[in-house]
Amino acid sequence: MAKEHAQQFLDDLCNNASLRAQYNASGAANADAIMDFALSKGYVFSENDLRQALNDYPEQYVLDQIRDKLKMPRGRPAASTKLG
């Protein structure tokens, strides 16, 4: 269940400009600060849950920043469409 909370946090961070701005303004620079920010917004999960959830997401600017802070590899490239 906690992994689903981490996934919801990541979804909301990608899709909610206000939350993303608050996250950026928080200056979260490490795992503890990221977790503290998430908890302050009502998301409850462990760092391990966050890492597992990040593995399921493609590259996205804010998520790649989190991956960098957690020293994780970048996500897979987002799917692209070819017009043919």
N, C-alpha and C. Protein backbone atom coordinates (compact mmCIF):
# COMPACT_ATOMS: atom_id res chain seq x y z
N MET A 1 0.82 -1.19 0.00
CA MET A 1 0.00 0.00 0.00
C MET A 1 0.87 1.26 0.00
N ALA A 2 1.98 1.25 0.72
CA ALA A 2 2.82 2.43 0.80
C ALA A 2 3.43 2.77 -0.57
N LYS A 3 3.75 1.75 -1.37
CA LYS A 3 4.28 2.04 -2.70
C LYS A 3 3.24 2.81 -3.51
N GLU A 4 1.97 2.50 -3.34
CA GLU A 4 0.91 3.21 -4.05
C GLU A 4 0.87 4.68 -3.60
N HIS A 5 1.16 4.93 -2.33
CA HIS A 5 1.22 6.31 -1.83
C HIS A 5 2.39 7.05 -2.48
N ALA A 6 3.52 6.36 -2.62
CA ALA A 6 4.67 6.95 -3.29
C ALA A 6 4.33 7.24 -4.75
N GLN A 7 3.65 6.32 -5.41
CA GLN A 7 3.25 6.53 -6.80
C GLN A 7 2.30 7.72 -6.91
N GLN A 8 1.38 7.84 -5.97
CA GLN A 8 0.45 8.97 -5.99
C GLN A 8 1.21 10.29 -5.81
N PHE A 9 2.18 10.30 -4.91
CA PHE A 9 3.02 11.48 -4.71
C PHE A 9 3.72 11.86 -6.01
N LEU A 10 4.31 10.89 -6.69
CA LEU A 10 5.01 11.17 -7.94
C LEU A 10 4.05 11.64 -9.01
N ASP A 11 2.88 11.00 -9.11
CA ASP A 11 1.86 11.45 -10.08
C ASP A 11 1.47 12.89 -9.81
N ASP A 12 1.19 13.18 -8.55
CA ASP A 12 0.77 14.53 -8.19
C ASP A 12 1.88 15.54 -8.44
N LEU A 13 3.10 15.17 -8.15
CA LEU A 13 4.23 16.06 -8.37
C LEU A 13 4.39 16.37 -9.86
N CYS A 14 4.15 15.39 -10.71
CA CYS A 14 4.26 15.60 -12.16
C CYS A 14 3.09 16.41 -12.71
N ASN A 15 1.91 16.26 -12.15
CA ASN A 15 0.70 16.82 -12.74
C ASN A 15 0.14 18.04 -12.03
N ASN A 16 0.66 18.38 -10.87
CA ASN A 16 0.13 19.49 -10.10
C ASN A 16 1.20 20.57 -9.98
N ALA A 17 1.05 21.64 -10.76
CA ALA A 17 2.06 22.70 -10.79
C ALA A 17 2.26 23.35 -9.43
N SER A 18 1.20 23.49 -8.65
CA SER A 18 1.30 24.11 -7.33
C SER A 18 2.16 23.24 -6.40
N LEU A 19 1.89 21.95 -6.38
CA LEU A 19 2.68 21.04 -5.54
C LEU A 19 4.13 21.04 -5.99
N ARG A 20 4.34 21.01 -7.30
CA ARG A 20 5.70 21.01 -7.85
C ARG A 20 6.45 22.29 -7.43
N ALA A 21 5.77 23.43 -7.48
CA ALA A 21 6.38 24.70 -7.07
C ALA A 21 6.74 24.67 -5.59
N GLN A 22 5.84 24.11 -4.77
CA GLN A 22 6.11 23.99 -3.34
C GLN A 22 7.31 23.07 -3.08
N TYR A 23 7.37 21.98 -3.84
CA TYR A 23 8.49 21.06 -3.70
C TYR A 23 9.79 21.77 -4.07
N ASN A 24 9.79 22.45 -5.20
CA ASN A 24 11.00 23.16 -5.63
C ASN A 24 11.41 24.22 -4.62
N ALA A 25 10.44 24.93 -4.08
CA ALA A 25 10.72 25.98 -3.09
C ALA A 25 11.24 25.39 -1.78
N SER A 26 10.92 24.15 -1.50
CA SER A 26 11.36 23.52 -0.25
C SER A 26 12.87 23.32 -0.23
N GLY A 27 13.47 23.24 -1.40
CA GLY A 27 14.91 23.03 -1.48
C GLY A 27 15.34 21.64 -1.02
N ALA A 28 14.44 20.68 -1.06
CA ALA A 28 14.76 19.32 -0.63
C ALA A 28 15.98 18.81 -1.40
N ALA A 29 17.06 18.57 -0.66
CA ALA A 29 18.32 18.22 -1.31
C ALA A 29 18.78 16.79 -1.04
N ASN A 30 18.03 16.05 -0.22
CA ASN A 30 18.42 14.68 0.07
C ASN A 30 17.17 13.86 0.38
N ALA A 31 17.37 12.58 0.59
CA ALA A 31 16.24 11.68 0.82
C ALA A 31 15.40 12.10 2.01
N ASP A 32 16.05 12.48 3.11
CA ASP A 32 15.29 12.87 4.30
C ASP A 32 14.41 14.08 4.03
N ALA A 33 14.95 15.06 3.32
CA ALA A 33 14.18 16.27 3.02
C ALA A 33 13.02 15.97 2.07
N ILE A 34 13.23 15.10 1.11
CA ILE A 34 12.16 14.71 0.18
C ILE A 34 11.05 14.01 0.96
N MET A 35 11.45 13.09 1.85
CA MET A 35 10.48 12.37 2.65
C MET A 35 9.73 13.32 3.58
N ASP A 36 10.43 14.28 4.17
CA ASP A 36 9.78 15.26 5.05
C ASP A 36 8.77 16.09 4.28
N PHE A 37 9.13 16.51 3.06
CA PHE A 37 8.19 17.28 2.25
C PHE A 37 6.95 16.45 1.95
N ALA A 38 7.14 15.22 1.51
CA ALA A 38 6.00 14.35 1.18
C ALA A 38 5.10 14.16 2.40
N LEU A 39 5.71 13.90 3.55
CA LEU A 39 4.93 13.70 4.77
C LEU A 39 4.15 14.96 5.13
N SER A 40 4.76 16.13 4.93
CA SER A 40 4.07 17.38 5.25
C SER A 40 2.84 17.59 4.36
N LYS A 41 2.80 16.92 3.23
CA LYS A 41 1.67 17.03 2.31
C LYS A 41 0.71 15.85 2.44
N GLY A 42 0.96 14.98 3.43
CA GLY A 42 0.03 13.89 3.71
C GLY A 42 0.35 12.57 3.03
N TYR A 43 1.49 12.47 2.38
CA TYR A 43 1.88 11.22 1.72
C TYR A 43 2.76 10.43 2.69
N VAL A 44 2.38 9.20 2.97
CA VAL A 44 3.12 8.38 3.93
C VAL A 44 3.67 7.15 3.21
N PHE A 45 5.00 7.09 3.13
CA PHE A 45 5.69 5.96 2.51
C PHE A 45 7.14 6.02 2.94
N SER A 46 7.86 4.94 2.69
CA SER A 46 9.28 4.88 3.06
C SER A 46 10.15 5.30 1.87
N GLU A 47 11.41 5.53 2.16
CA GLU A 47 12.36 5.84 1.08
C GLU A 47 12.43 4.68 0.10
N ASN A 48 12.39 3.47 0.60
CA ASN A 48 12.41 2.29 -0.28
C ASN A 48 11.18 2.28 -1.19
N ASP A 49 10.00 2.63 -0.65
CA ASP A 49 8.79 2.70 -1.48
C ASP A 49 8.97 3.74 -2.58
N LEU A 50 9.57 4.87 -2.24
CA LEU A 50 9.81 5.93 -3.22
C LEU A 50 10.75 5.44 -4.31
N ARG A 51 11.82 4.78 -3.91
CA ARG A 51 12.77 4.25 -4.90
C ARG A 51 12.09 3.24 -5.83
N GLN A 52 11.29 2.36 -5.28
CA GLN A 52 10.58 1.37 -6.11
C GLN A 52 9.62 2.06 -7.07
N ALA A 53 8.91 3.05 -6.58
CA ALA A 53 7.96 3.76 -7.45
C ALA A 53 8.70 4.51 -8.56
N LEU A 54 9.83 5.10 -8.24
CA LEU A 54 10.59 5.82 -9.28
C LEU A 54 11.05 4.90 -10.40
N ASN A 55 11.29 3.64 -10.08
CA ASN A 55 11.70 2.67 -11.11
C ASN A 55 10.62 2.47 -12.16
N ASP A 56 9.37 2.76 -11.83
CA ASP A 56 8.25 2.53 -12.74
C ASP A 56 7.94 3.73 -13.63
N TYR A 57 8.63 4.85 -13.41
CA TYR A 57 8.29 6.08 -14.13
C TYR A 57 9.34 6.40 -15.19
N PRO A 58 8.90 6.88 -16.35
CA PRO A 58 9.85 7.31 -17.38
C PRO A 58 10.50 8.64 -16.98
N GLU A 59 11.45 9.07 -17.80
CA GLU A 59 12.11 10.34 -17.55
C GLU A 59 11.08 11.46 -17.46
N GLN A 60 11.27 12.30 -16.50
CA GLN A 60 10.45 13.51 -16.32
C GLN A 60 11.30 14.43 -15.48
N TYR A 61 11.33 15.71 -15.80
CA TYR A 61 12.27 16.64 -15.20
C TYR A 61 12.29 16.57 -13.67
N VAL A 62 11.17 16.75 -13.03
CA VAL A 62 11.15 16.77 -11.56
C VAL A 62 11.51 15.40 -10.97
N LEU A 63 11.10 14.33 -11.63
CA LEU A 63 11.44 13.00 -11.13
C LEU A 63 12.92 12.70 -11.32
N ASP A 64 13.50 13.20 -12.41
CA ASP A 64 14.93 13.02 -12.62
C ASP A 64 15.74 13.80 -11.57
N GLN A 65 15.22 14.94 -11.13
CA GLN A 65 15.89 15.67 -10.04
C GLN A 65 15.88 14.82 -8.77
N ILE A 66 14.75 14.18 -8.49
CA ILE A 66 14.66 13.33 -7.30
C ILE A 66 15.61 12.15 -7.44
N ARG A 67 15.63 11.53 -8.62
CA ARG A 67 16.55 10.41 -8.85
C ARG A 67 18.00 10.84 -8.60
N ASP A 68 18.36 12.02 -9.10
CA ASP A 68 19.72 12.51 -8.89
C ASP A 68 20.02 12.65 -7.39
N LYS A 69 19.08 13.18 -6.63
CA LYS A 69 19.28 13.38 -5.20
C LYS A 69 19.38 12.05 -4.45
N LEU A 70 18.71 11.03 -4.98
CA LEU A 70 18.75 9.70 -4.38
C LEU A 70 19.85 8.84 -4.99
N LYS A 71 20.61 9.44 -5.93
CA LYS A 71 21.70 8.73 -6.62
C LYS A 71 21.20 7.48 -7.32
N MET A 72 20.09 7.65 -8.04
CA MET A 72 19.48 6.57 -8.82
C MET A 72 19.71 6.86 -10.29
N PRO A 73 19.70 5.82 -11.13
CA PRO A 73 19.81 6.06 -12.57
C PRO A 73 18.55 6.75 -13.09
N ARG A 74 18.70 7.43 -14.20
CA ARG A 74 17.56 8.10 -14.84
C ARG A 74 16.53 7.06 -15.26
N GLY A 75 15.29 7.53 -15.42
CA GLY A 75 14.20 6.67 -15.88
C GLY A 75 14.38 6.34 -17.35
N ARG A 76 13.55 5.47 -17.80
CA ARG A 76 13.59 5.13 -19.22
C ARG A 76 13.03 6.31 -20.02
N PRO A 77 13.49 6.50 -21.24
CA PRO A 77 12.97 7.63 -22.04
C PRO A 77 11.46 7.52 -22.21
N ALA A 78 10.82 8.66 -22.20
CA ALA A 78 9.36 8.69 -22.42
C ALA A 78 9.09 8.19 -23.83
N ALA A 79 7.96 7.54 -24.00
CA ALA A 79 7.57 7.04 -25.32
C ALA A 79 7.38 8.19 -26.27
N SER A 80 7.82 8.01 -27.49
CA SER A 80 7.61 9.05 -28.49
C SER A 80 6.77 8.46 -29.62
N THR A 81 6.10 9.32 -30.30
CA THR A 81 5.28 8.86 -31.42
C THR A 81 5.90 9.36 -32.71
N LYS A 82 5.86 8.52 -33.71
CA LYS A 82 6.37 8.90 -35.01
C LYS A 82 5.21 9.10 -35.95
N LEU A 83 5.28 10.18 -36.66
CA LEU A 83 4.26 10.42 -37.68
C LEU A 83 4.79 9.81 -38.96
N GLY A 84 3.98 9.05 -39.57
CA GLY A 84 4.53 8.30 -40.65
C GLY A 84 3.99 8.49 -41.94
